[in-house]
Amino acid sequence: MIRNASRLAATAAALFMLASPVFAQEPSASHLALAREVAVNSGMTRSFDAMTEPLLAQLQQMNVTRPEIKQDLEQVVAILRPEVEQHKHKMVDNAARAFAARMTEAELKEVAAFYNTPAGKKYVEVQPLLLDDIVRDLATWTQNVSEYIMIRARAEMGKRGHQLN
């Protein structure tokens, strides 16, 4: 009886460890490489540049108020640029790990293949413009739906003898 309970406890612990993400196996090098390829080719990592470049530009703008430090600032930015690149590489690695954790290697191969097609490349090219359009349209849509909900809610509540302001 005790031996069976011990086996059951050991089996339960092993299953827990296998199911737990903390104890999950590290993705293979090829799995991570595909995940990295998808992260980069999807255009996702462009946002890392979009975040870091303004920070470096802001630093360089200090020379507007202090022209005497312009040359030193340019040198400092030149020193910092490769360091910032290393930080971006770490973020790309994080993105690759996120992809690898949520998608199989086979799925990533299919996605990577798509991004290497003319249609995939076009998708990545137009994606920022599409997102701009969608965000713009989303603001109008949200306003319209908000108004519609209030009009409909007032009408339905009116049928029930209640008035909403």
N, C-alpha and C. Protein backbone atom coordinates (compact mmCIF):
# COMPACT_ATOMS: atom_id res chain seq x y z
N MET A 1 0.82 -1.19 0.00
CA MET A 1 0.00 0.00 0.00
C MET A 1 0.87 1.25 0.00
N ILE A 2 1.86 1.30 0.89
CA ILE A 2 2.76 2.45 0.96
C ILE A 2 3.56 2.56 -0.33
N ARG A 3 3.98 1.38 -0.86
CA ARG A 3 4.76 1.36 -2.10
C ARG A 3 3.91 1.93 -3.24
N ASN A 4 2.63 1.57 -3.33
CA ASN A 4 1.73 2.09 -4.37
C ASN A 4 1.53 3.59 -4.21
N ALA A 5 1.39 4.07 -2.99
CA ALA A 5 1.23 5.50 -2.74
C ALA A 5 2.49 6.25 -3.16
N SER A 6 3.65 5.66 -2.88
CA SER A 6 4.92 6.29 -3.27
C SER A 6 5.03 6.37 -4.79
N ARG A 7 4.65 5.28 -5.47
CA ARG A 7 4.68 5.27 -6.93
C ARG A 7 3.72 6.32 -7.49
N LEU A 8 2.54 6.39 -6.91
CA LEU A 8 1.55 7.36 -7.34
C LEU A 8 2.06 8.78 -7.15
N ALA A 9 2.66 9.04 -6.00
CA ALA A 9 3.21 10.38 -5.73
C ALA A 9 4.33 10.70 -6.70
N ALA A 10 5.21 9.74 -6.97
CA ALA A 10 6.32 9.96 -7.89
C ALA A 10 5.81 10.20 -9.30
N THR A 11 4.80 9.44 -9.71
CA THR A 11 4.22 9.61 -11.04
C THR A 11 3.55 10.98 -11.16
N ALA A 12 2.81 11.37 -10.12
CA ALA A 12 2.15 12.68 -10.13
C ALA A 12 3.17 13.80 -10.22
N ALA A 13 4.25 13.68 -9.46
CA ALA A 13 5.30 14.71 -9.48
C ALA A 13 5.94 14.78 -10.86
N ALA A 14 6.20 13.63 -11.47
CA ALA A 14 6.80 13.61 -12.80
C ALA A 14 5.87 14.24 -13.83
N LEU A 15 4.59 13.90 -13.78
CA LEU A 15 3.62 14.49 -14.70
C LEU A 15 3.52 15.99 -14.51
N PHE A 16 3.53 16.44 -13.26
CA PHE A 16 3.48 17.87 -12.98
C PHE A 16 4.68 18.56 -13.59
N MET A 17 5.86 17.97 -13.41
CA MET A 17 7.08 18.59 -13.93
C MET A 17 7.05 18.64 -15.45
N LEU A 18 6.52 17.60 -16.10
CA LEU A 18 6.46 17.60 -17.55
C LEU A 18 5.44 18.62 -18.07
N ALA A 19 4.35 18.78 -17.34
CA ALA A 19 3.29 19.69 -17.78
C ALA A 19 3.60 21.14 -17.44
N SER A 20 4.39 21.36 -16.44
CA SER A 20 4.67 22.72 -15.99
C SER A 20 5.60 23.43 -16.96
N PRO A 21 5.26 24.67 -17.36
CA PRO A 21 6.14 25.41 -18.28
C PRO A 21 7.51 25.68 -17.68
N VAL A 22 7.59 25.74 -16.36
CA VAL A 22 8.88 26.00 -15.72
C VAL A 22 9.85 24.86 -16.02
N PHE A 23 9.30 23.65 -16.11
CA PHE A 23 10.14 22.49 -16.32
C PHE A 23 10.14 22.04 -17.78
N ALA A 24 9.53 22.82 -18.65
CA ALA A 24 9.46 22.46 -20.06
C ALA A 24 10.86 22.45 -20.66
N GLN A 25 11.03 21.61 -21.68
CA GLN A 25 12.32 21.53 -22.34
C GLN A 25 12.62 22.82 -23.08
N GLU A 26 13.87 23.13 -23.13
CA GLU A 26 14.31 24.27 -23.94
C GLU A 26 14.08 23.92 -25.40
N PRO A 27 13.66 24.88 -26.20
CA PRO A 27 13.50 24.58 -27.62
C PRO A 27 14.86 24.29 -28.25
N SER A 28 14.85 23.49 -29.29
CA SER A 28 16.10 23.16 -29.98
C SER A 28 16.65 24.40 -30.67
N ALA A 29 17.89 24.32 -31.08
CA ALA A 29 18.52 25.44 -31.78
C ALA A 29 17.79 25.74 -33.08
N SER A 30 17.35 24.70 -33.79
CA SER A 30 16.64 24.93 -35.05
C SER A 30 15.27 25.54 -34.81
N HIS A 31 14.62 25.15 -33.71
CA HIS A 31 13.32 25.71 -33.34
C HIS A 31 13.48 27.21 -33.05
N LEU A 32 14.50 27.55 -32.27
CA LEU A 32 14.75 28.96 -31.95
C LEU A 32 15.15 29.76 -33.19
N ALA A 33 15.93 29.13 -34.07
CA ALA A 33 16.34 29.83 -35.30
C ALA A 33 15.13 30.16 -36.16
N LEU A 34 14.20 29.21 -36.28
CA LEU A 34 12.98 29.47 -37.04
C LEU A 34 12.14 30.55 -36.37
N ALA A 35 12.05 30.49 -35.05
CA ALA A 35 11.28 31.48 -34.31
C ALA A 35 11.88 32.87 -34.51
N ARG A 36 13.20 32.95 -34.49
CA ARG A 36 13.89 34.23 -34.72
C ARG A 36 13.60 34.73 -36.14
N GLU A 37 13.67 33.82 -37.10
CA GLU A 37 13.40 34.19 -38.49
C GLU A 37 11.99 34.76 -38.64
N VAL A 38 11.03 34.11 -38.00
CA VAL A 38 9.64 34.58 -38.07
C VAL A 38 9.52 35.95 -37.40
N ALA A 39 10.14 36.12 -36.25
CA ALA A 39 10.06 37.40 -35.55
C ALA A 39 10.64 38.52 -36.41
N VAL A 40 11.75 38.26 -37.05
CA VAL A 40 12.41 39.30 -37.87
C VAL A 40 11.65 39.50 -39.18
N ASN A 41 11.35 38.40 -39.89
CA ASN A 41 10.72 38.53 -41.20
C ASN A 41 9.28 39.00 -41.13
N SER A 42 8.65 38.85 -39.99
CA SER A 42 7.26 39.32 -39.83
C SER A 42 7.20 40.83 -39.69
N GLY A 43 8.34 41.45 -39.45
CA GLY A 43 8.37 42.89 -39.25
C GLY A 43 8.21 43.28 -37.79
N MET A 44 7.99 42.30 -36.94
CA MET A 44 7.76 42.58 -35.52
C MET A 44 8.93 43.33 -34.90
N THR A 45 10.13 42.97 -35.27
CA THR A 45 11.30 43.56 -34.62
C THR A 45 11.57 44.99 -35.08
N ARG A 46 10.86 45.44 -36.13
CA ARG A 46 11.00 46.85 -36.54
C ARG A 46 10.61 47.78 -35.40
N SER A 47 9.68 47.31 -34.58
CA SER A 47 9.22 48.16 -33.48
C SER A 47 10.33 48.42 -32.48
N PHE A 48 11.31 47.53 -32.39
CA PHE A 48 12.43 47.76 -31.47
C PHE A 48 13.25 48.95 -31.96
N ASP A 49 13.45 49.04 -33.27
CA ASP A 49 14.13 50.20 -33.84
C ASP A 49 13.31 51.46 -33.62
N ALA A 50 12.00 51.33 -33.80
CA ALA A 50 11.11 52.47 -33.65
C ALA A 50 11.14 53.01 -32.22
N MET A 51 11.54 52.18 -31.27
CA MET A 51 11.60 52.63 -29.89
C MET A 51 12.98 53.19 -29.52
N THR A 52 14.03 52.58 -30.06
CA THR A 52 15.37 53.00 -29.64
C THR A 52 15.89 54.20 -30.41
N GLU A 53 15.58 54.29 -31.69
CA GLU A 53 16.10 55.40 -32.49
C GLU A 53 15.66 56.76 -31.96
N PRO A 54 14.40 56.94 -31.58
CA PRO A 54 14.01 58.24 -31.01
C PRO A 54 14.75 58.57 -29.72
N LEU A 55 15.10 57.56 -28.95
CA LEU A 55 15.85 57.81 -27.72
C LEU A 55 17.24 58.36 -28.03
N LEU A 56 17.89 57.77 -29.03
CA LEU A 56 19.21 58.27 -29.43
C LEU A 56 19.09 59.65 -30.06
N ALA A 57 18.04 59.86 -30.85
CA ALA A 57 17.84 61.17 -31.47
C ALA A 57 17.57 62.23 -30.42
N GLN A 58 16.82 61.86 -29.40
CA GLN A 58 16.53 62.79 -28.31
C GLN A 58 17.82 63.19 -27.60
N LEU A 59 18.70 62.24 -27.42
CA LEU A 59 19.99 62.52 -26.79
C LEU A 59 20.78 63.51 -27.66
N GLN A 60 20.76 63.28 -28.96
CA GLN A 60 21.49 64.18 -29.85
C GLN A 60 20.87 65.58 -29.90
N GLN A 61 19.58 65.70 -29.63
CA GLN A 61 18.92 67.00 -29.65
C GLN A 61 19.37 67.90 -28.51
N MET A 62 20.05 67.33 -27.53
CA MET A 62 20.54 68.16 -26.42
C MET A 62 21.50 69.22 -26.92
N ASN A 63 22.09 68.99 -28.11
CA ASN A 63 23.04 69.97 -28.63
C ASN A 63 22.35 71.24 -29.09
N VAL A 64 21.03 71.21 -29.21
CA VAL A 64 20.31 72.42 -29.60
C VAL A 64 20.41 73.46 -28.49
N THR A 65 20.24 73.00 -27.26
CA THR A 65 20.31 73.93 -26.14
C THR A 65 21.74 74.12 -25.63
N ARG A 66 22.60 73.15 -25.98
CA ARG A 66 23.99 73.25 -25.54
C ARG A 66 24.92 72.93 -26.71
N PRO A 67 25.08 73.88 -27.65
CA PRO A 67 25.88 73.62 -28.86
C PRO A 67 27.34 73.25 -28.56
N GLU A 68 27.82 73.64 -27.41
CA GLU A 68 29.23 73.35 -27.08
C GLU A 68 29.49 71.86 -26.86
N ILE A 69 28.43 71.07 -26.68
CA ILE A 69 28.63 69.64 -26.42
C ILE A 69 28.28 68.77 -27.64
N LYS A 70 28.00 69.41 -28.78
CA LYS A 70 27.57 68.69 -29.97
C LYS A 70 28.53 67.57 -30.36
N GLN A 71 29.81 67.87 -30.47
CA GLN A 71 30.79 66.86 -30.90
C GLN A 71 30.86 65.71 -29.90
N ASP A 72 30.88 66.03 -28.61
CA ASP A 72 30.94 64.98 -27.59
C ASP A 72 29.67 64.12 -27.62
N LEU A 73 28.53 64.75 -27.83
CA LEU A 73 27.28 64.00 -27.90
C LEU A 73 27.28 63.04 -29.08
N GLU A 74 27.76 63.50 -30.22
CA GLU A 74 27.84 62.64 -31.40
C GLU A 74 28.74 61.44 -31.13
N GLN A 75 29.85 61.66 -30.42
CA GLN A 75 30.75 60.56 -30.09
C GLN A 75 30.09 59.59 -29.11
N VAL A 76 29.37 60.13 -28.14
CA VAL A 76 28.69 59.27 -27.16
C VAL A 76 27.61 58.43 -27.85
N VAL A 77 26.85 59.04 -28.75
CA VAL A 77 25.82 58.29 -29.48
C VAL A 77 26.48 57.19 -30.32
N ALA A 78 27.62 57.50 -30.93
CA ALA A 78 28.33 56.49 -31.71
C ALA A 78 28.79 55.33 -30.82
N ILE A 79 29.16 55.63 -29.59
CA ILE A 79 29.57 54.58 -28.64
C ILE A 79 28.34 53.77 -28.19
N LEU A 80 27.24 54.47 -27.96
CA LEU A 80 26.04 53.81 -27.44
C LEU A 80 25.32 52.96 -28.50
N ARG A 81 25.41 53.35 -29.76
CA ARG A 81 24.65 52.65 -30.80
C ARG A 81 24.89 51.14 -30.81
N PRO A 82 26.14 50.65 -30.77
CA PRO A 82 26.33 49.19 -30.73
C PRO A 82 25.81 48.55 -29.44
N GLU A 83 25.87 49.29 -28.35
CA GLU A 83 25.33 48.77 -27.09
C GLU A 83 23.81 48.63 -27.17
N VAL A 84 23.17 49.62 -27.79
CA VAL A 84 21.73 49.58 -27.98
C VAL A 84 21.37 48.41 -28.91
N GLU A 85 22.20 48.18 -29.92
CA GLU A 85 21.99 47.03 -30.82
C GLU A 85 21.99 45.72 -30.04
N GLN A 86 22.90 45.61 -29.07
CA GLN A 86 22.94 44.40 -28.25
C GLN A 86 21.65 44.24 -27.45
N HIS A 87 21.13 45.34 -26.95
CA HIS A 87 19.86 45.29 -26.22
C HIS A 87 18.73 44.86 -27.15
N LYS A 88 18.76 45.35 -28.40
CA LYS A 88 17.74 44.95 -29.37
C LYS A 88 17.86 43.46 -29.68
N HIS A 89 19.09 42.96 -29.79
CA HIS A 89 19.29 41.53 -30.05
C HIS A 89 18.70 40.68 -28.92
N LYS A 90 18.84 41.17 -27.69
CA LYS A 90 18.25 40.45 -26.55
C LYS A 90 16.73 40.42 -26.69
N MET A 91 16.14 41.52 -27.13
CA MET A 91 14.69 41.56 -27.29
C MET A 91 14.25 40.65 -28.43
N VAL A 92 15.04 40.59 -29.50
CA VAL A 92 14.73 39.66 -30.59
C VAL A 92 14.80 38.22 -30.07
N ASP A 93 15.79 37.94 -29.24
CA ASP A 93 15.88 36.61 -28.62
C ASP A 93 14.65 36.31 -27.78
N ASN A 94 14.19 37.31 -27.02
CA ASN A 94 12.98 37.13 -26.21
C ASN A 94 11.77 36.86 -27.10
N ALA A 95 11.67 37.59 -28.19
CA ALA A 95 10.55 37.37 -29.12
C ALA A 95 10.63 35.97 -29.71
N ALA A 96 11.83 35.54 -30.07
CA ALA A 96 12.00 34.19 -30.62
C ALA A 96 11.59 33.14 -29.60
N ARG A 97 11.98 33.32 -28.36
CA ARG A 97 11.58 32.37 -27.32
C ARG A 97 10.07 32.34 -27.14
N ALA A 98 9.43 33.49 -27.24
CA ALA A 98 7.97 33.55 -27.12
C ALA A 98 7.32 32.78 -28.27
N PHE A 99 7.81 32.99 -29.48
CA PHE A 99 7.28 32.23 -30.62
C PHE A 99 7.51 30.73 -30.42
N ALA A 100 8.72 30.37 -30.02
CA ALA A 100 9.06 28.95 -29.85
C ALA A 100 8.23 28.30 -28.76
N ALA A 101 7.87 29.06 -27.75
CA ALA A 101 7.07 28.51 -26.66
C ALA A 101 5.62 28.27 -27.09
N ARG A 102 5.16 29.00 -28.07
CA ARG A 102 3.74 28.93 -28.45
C ARG A 102 3.48 28.24 -29.77
N MET A 103 4.53 28.02 -30.54
CA MET A 103 4.35 27.38 -31.84
C MET A 103 5.37 26.26 -32.02
N THR A 104 4.94 25.21 -32.68
CA THR A 104 5.85 24.09 -32.94
C THR A 104 6.84 24.50 -34.02
N GLU A 105 7.88 23.71 -34.13
CA GLU A 105 8.87 23.97 -35.17
C GLU A 105 8.23 23.84 -36.55
N ALA A 106 7.35 22.86 -36.72
CA ALA A 106 6.67 22.67 -38.01
C ALA A 106 5.79 23.88 -38.35
N GLU A 107 5.08 24.40 -37.37
CA GLU A 107 4.24 25.58 -37.61
C GLU A 107 5.10 26.79 -37.98
N LEU A 108 6.22 26.94 -37.28
CA LEU A 108 7.11 28.07 -37.58
C LEU A 108 7.70 27.94 -38.98
N LYS A 109 7.97 26.70 -39.43
CA LYS A 109 8.49 26.50 -40.79
C LYS A 109 7.47 27.01 -41.81
N GLU A 110 6.20 26.71 -41.58
CA GLU A 110 5.15 27.16 -42.49
C GLU A 110 5.05 28.68 -42.50
N VAL A 111 5.10 29.28 -41.31
CA VAL A 111 5.00 30.74 -41.21
C VAL A 111 6.22 31.38 -41.86
N ALA A 112 7.40 30.84 -41.59
CA ALA A 112 8.63 31.38 -42.18
C ALA A 112 8.57 31.28 -43.70
N ALA A 113 8.06 30.16 -44.20
CA ALA A 113 7.94 29.99 -45.66
C ALA A 113 7.03 31.08 -46.23
N PHE A 114 5.92 31.37 -45.56
CA PHE A 114 5.02 32.42 -46.03
C PHE A 114 5.73 33.76 -46.11
N TYR A 115 6.47 34.12 -45.05
CA TYR A 115 7.13 35.42 -45.05
C TYR A 115 8.22 35.53 -46.11
N ASN A 116 8.67 34.41 -46.65
CA ASN A 116 9.67 34.43 -47.70
C ASN A 116 9.05 34.45 -49.10
N THR A 117 7.72 34.39 -49.18
CA THR A 117 7.05 34.47 -50.48
C THR A 117 6.85 35.94 -50.83
N PRO A 118 6.58 36.22 -52.12
CA PRO A 118 6.27 37.60 -52.49
C PRO A 118 5.08 38.16 -51.71
N ALA A 119 4.05 37.33 -51.50
CA ALA A 119 2.88 37.80 -50.74
C ALA A 119 3.25 38.10 -49.29
N GLY A 120 4.08 37.26 -48.70
CA GLY A 120 4.52 37.49 -47.32
C GLY A 120 5.34 38.76 -47.19
N LYS A 121 6.22 38.98 -48.15
CA LYS A 121 7.03 40.20 -48.12
C LYS A 121 6.17 41.44 -48.32
N LYS A 122 5.18 41.34 -49.20
CA LYS A 122 4.25 42.45 -49.42
C LYS A 122 3.45 42.71 -48.14
N TYR A 123 3.01 41.64 -47.48
CA TYR A 123 2.26 41.78 -46.23
C TYR A 123 3.08 42.56 -45.20
N VAL A 124 4.34 42.20 -45.05
CA VAL A 124 5.20 42.90 -44.09
C VAL A 124 5.39 44.35 -44.50
N GLU A 125 5.51 44.59 -45.79
CA GLU A 125 5.70 45.96 -46.28
C GLU A 125 4.49 46.84 -46.00
N VAL A 126 3.29 46.32 -46.20
CA VAL A 126 2.09 47.15 -46.05
C VAL A 126 1.51 47.10 -44.64
N GLN A 127 1.98 46.20 -43.81
CA GLN A 127 1.42 46.05 -42.47
C GLN A 127 1.38 47.35 -41.67
N PRO A 128 2.44 48.14 -41.61
CA PRO A 128 2.36 49.40 -40.84
C PRO A 128 1.28 50.34 -41.38
N LEU A 129 1.14 50.40 -42.70
CA LEU A 129 0.11 51.26 -43.29
C LEU A 129 -1.28 50.73 -42.97
N LEU A 130 -1.43 49.41 -43.03
CA LEU A 130 -2.72 48.80 -42.67
C LEU A 130 -3.08 49.09 -41.23
N LEU A 131 -2.09 48.96 -40.36
CA LEU A 131 -2.35 49.23 -38.94
C LEU A 131 -2.75 50.68 -38.72
N ASP A 132 -2.11 51.60 -39.44
CA ASP A 132 -2.50 53.01 -39.34
C ASP A 132 -3.96 53.19 -39.75
N ASP A 133 -4.34 52.55 -40.87
CA ASP A 133 -5.72 52.64 -41.35
C ASP A 133 -6.68 52.06 -40.33
N ILE A 134 -6.33 50.91 -39.79
CA ILE A 134 -7.22 50.23 -38.84
C ILE A 134 -7.37 51.06 -37.56
N VAL A 135 -6.28 51.59 -37.07
CA VAL A 135 -6.35 52.41 -35.84
C VAL A 135 -7.22 53.64 -36.08
N ARG A 136 -7.05 54.27 -37.23
CA ARG A 136 -7.88 55.43 -37.57
C ARG A 136 -9.35 55.03 -37.63
N ASP A 137 -9.65 53.95 -38.34
CA ASP A 137 -11.03 53.48 -38.47
C ASP A 137 -11.59 53.00 -37.14
N LEU A 138 -10.73 52.46 -36.30
CA LEU A 138 -11.17 51.95 -35.00
C LEU A 138 -11.72 53.07 -34.12
N ALA A 139 -11.12 54.23 -34.19
CA ALA A 139 -11.60 55.36 -33.39
C ALA A 139 -13.02 55.74 -33.81
N THR A 140 -13.25 55.83 -35.11
CA THR A 140 -14.59 56.15 -35.60
C THR A 140 -15.57 55.05 -35.26
N TRP A 141 -15.18 53.82 -35.48
CA TRP A 141 -16.04 52.67 -35.19
C TRP A 141 -16.41 52.63 -33.71
N THR A 142 -15.43 52.84 -32.83
CA THR A 142 -15.70 52.82 -31.39
C THR A 142 -16.72 53.88 -31.02
N GLN A 143 -16.59 55.08 -31.56
CA GLN A 143 -17.54 56.15 -31.30
C GLN A 143 -18.93 55.75 -31.78
N ASN A 144 -19.02 55.22 -32.99
CA ASN A 144 -20.32 54.82 -33.55
C ASN A 144 -20.97 53.70 -32.75
N VAL A 145 -20.19 52.70 -32.37
CA VAL A 145 -20.75 51.59 -31.60
C VAL A 145 -21.17 52.06 -30.21
N SER A 146 -20.40 52.95 -29.63
CA SER A 146 -20.76 53.50 -28.32
C SER A 146 -22.10 54.21 -28.38
N GLU A 147 -22.28 55.03 -29.40
CA GLU A 147 -23.55 55.74 -29.58
C GLU A 147 -24.69 54.76 -29.83
N TYR A 148 -24.45 53.77 -30.66
CA TYR A 148 -25.47 52.76 -30.97
C TYR A 148 -25.89 52.02 -29.70
N ILE A 149 -24.94 51.61 -28.90
CA ILE A 149 -25.25 50.88 -27.67
C ILE A 149 -26.10 51.74 -26.74
N MET A 150 -25.75 53.00 -26.59
CA MET A 150 -26.53 53.87 -25.69
C MET A 150 -27.94 54.10 -26.23
N ILE A 151 -28.07 54.31 -27.54
CA ILE A 151 -29.40 54.51 -28.13
C ILE A 151 -30.25 53.26 -27.93
N ARG A 152 -29.68 52.11 -28.22
CA ARG A 152 -30.41 50.85 -28.08
C ARG A 152 -30.73 50.56 -26.62
N ALA A 153 -29.77 50.80 -25.73
CA ALA A 153 -30.00 50.54 -24.31
C ALA A 153 -31.11 51.46 -23.79
N ARG A 154 -31.10 52.72 -24.18
CA ARG A 154 -32.16 53.65 -23.76
C ARG A 154 -33.52 53.17 -24.26
N ALA A 155 -33.57 52.73 -25.52
CA ALA A 155 -34.83 52.26 -26.09
C ALA A 155 -35.34 51.03 -25.34
N GLU A 156 -34.46 50.08 -25.10
CA GLU A 156 -34.87 48.86 -24.41
C GLU A 156 -35.26 49.13 -22.96
N MET A 157 -34.52 50.00 -22.30
CA MET A 157 -34.86 50.35 -20.92
C MET A 157 -36.18 51.14 -20.88
N GLY A 158 -36.43 51.99 -21.92
CA GLY A 158 -37.68 52.72 -22.01
C GLY A 158 -38.86 51.77 -22.09
N LYS A 159 -38.70 50.67 -22.85
CA LYS A 159 -39.76 49.65 -22.96
C LYS A 159 -40.07 49.03 -21.59
N ARG A 160 -39.08 49.08 -20.71
CA ARG A 160 -39.23 48.48 -19.38
C ARG A 160 -39.60 49.53 -18.32
N GLY A 161 -39.87 50.73 -18.79
CA GLY A 161 -40.30 51.77 -17.87
C GLY A 161 -39.17 52.53 -17.19
N HIS A 162 -37.96 52.43 -17.72
CA HIS A 162 -36.82 53.14 -17.12
C HIS A 162 -36.26 54.13 -18.11
N GLN A 163 -35.75 55.25 -17.59
CA GLN A 163 -35.16 56.26 -18.44
C GLN A 163 -33.67 56.37 -18.12
N LEU A 164 -32.84 56.18 -19.13
CA LEU A 164 -31.39 56.37 -18.97
C LEU A 164 -31.01 57.73 -19.52
N ASN A 165 -30.14 58.45 -18.82
CA ASN A 165 -29.68 59.75 -19.31
C ASN A 165 -28.42 59.60 -20.08
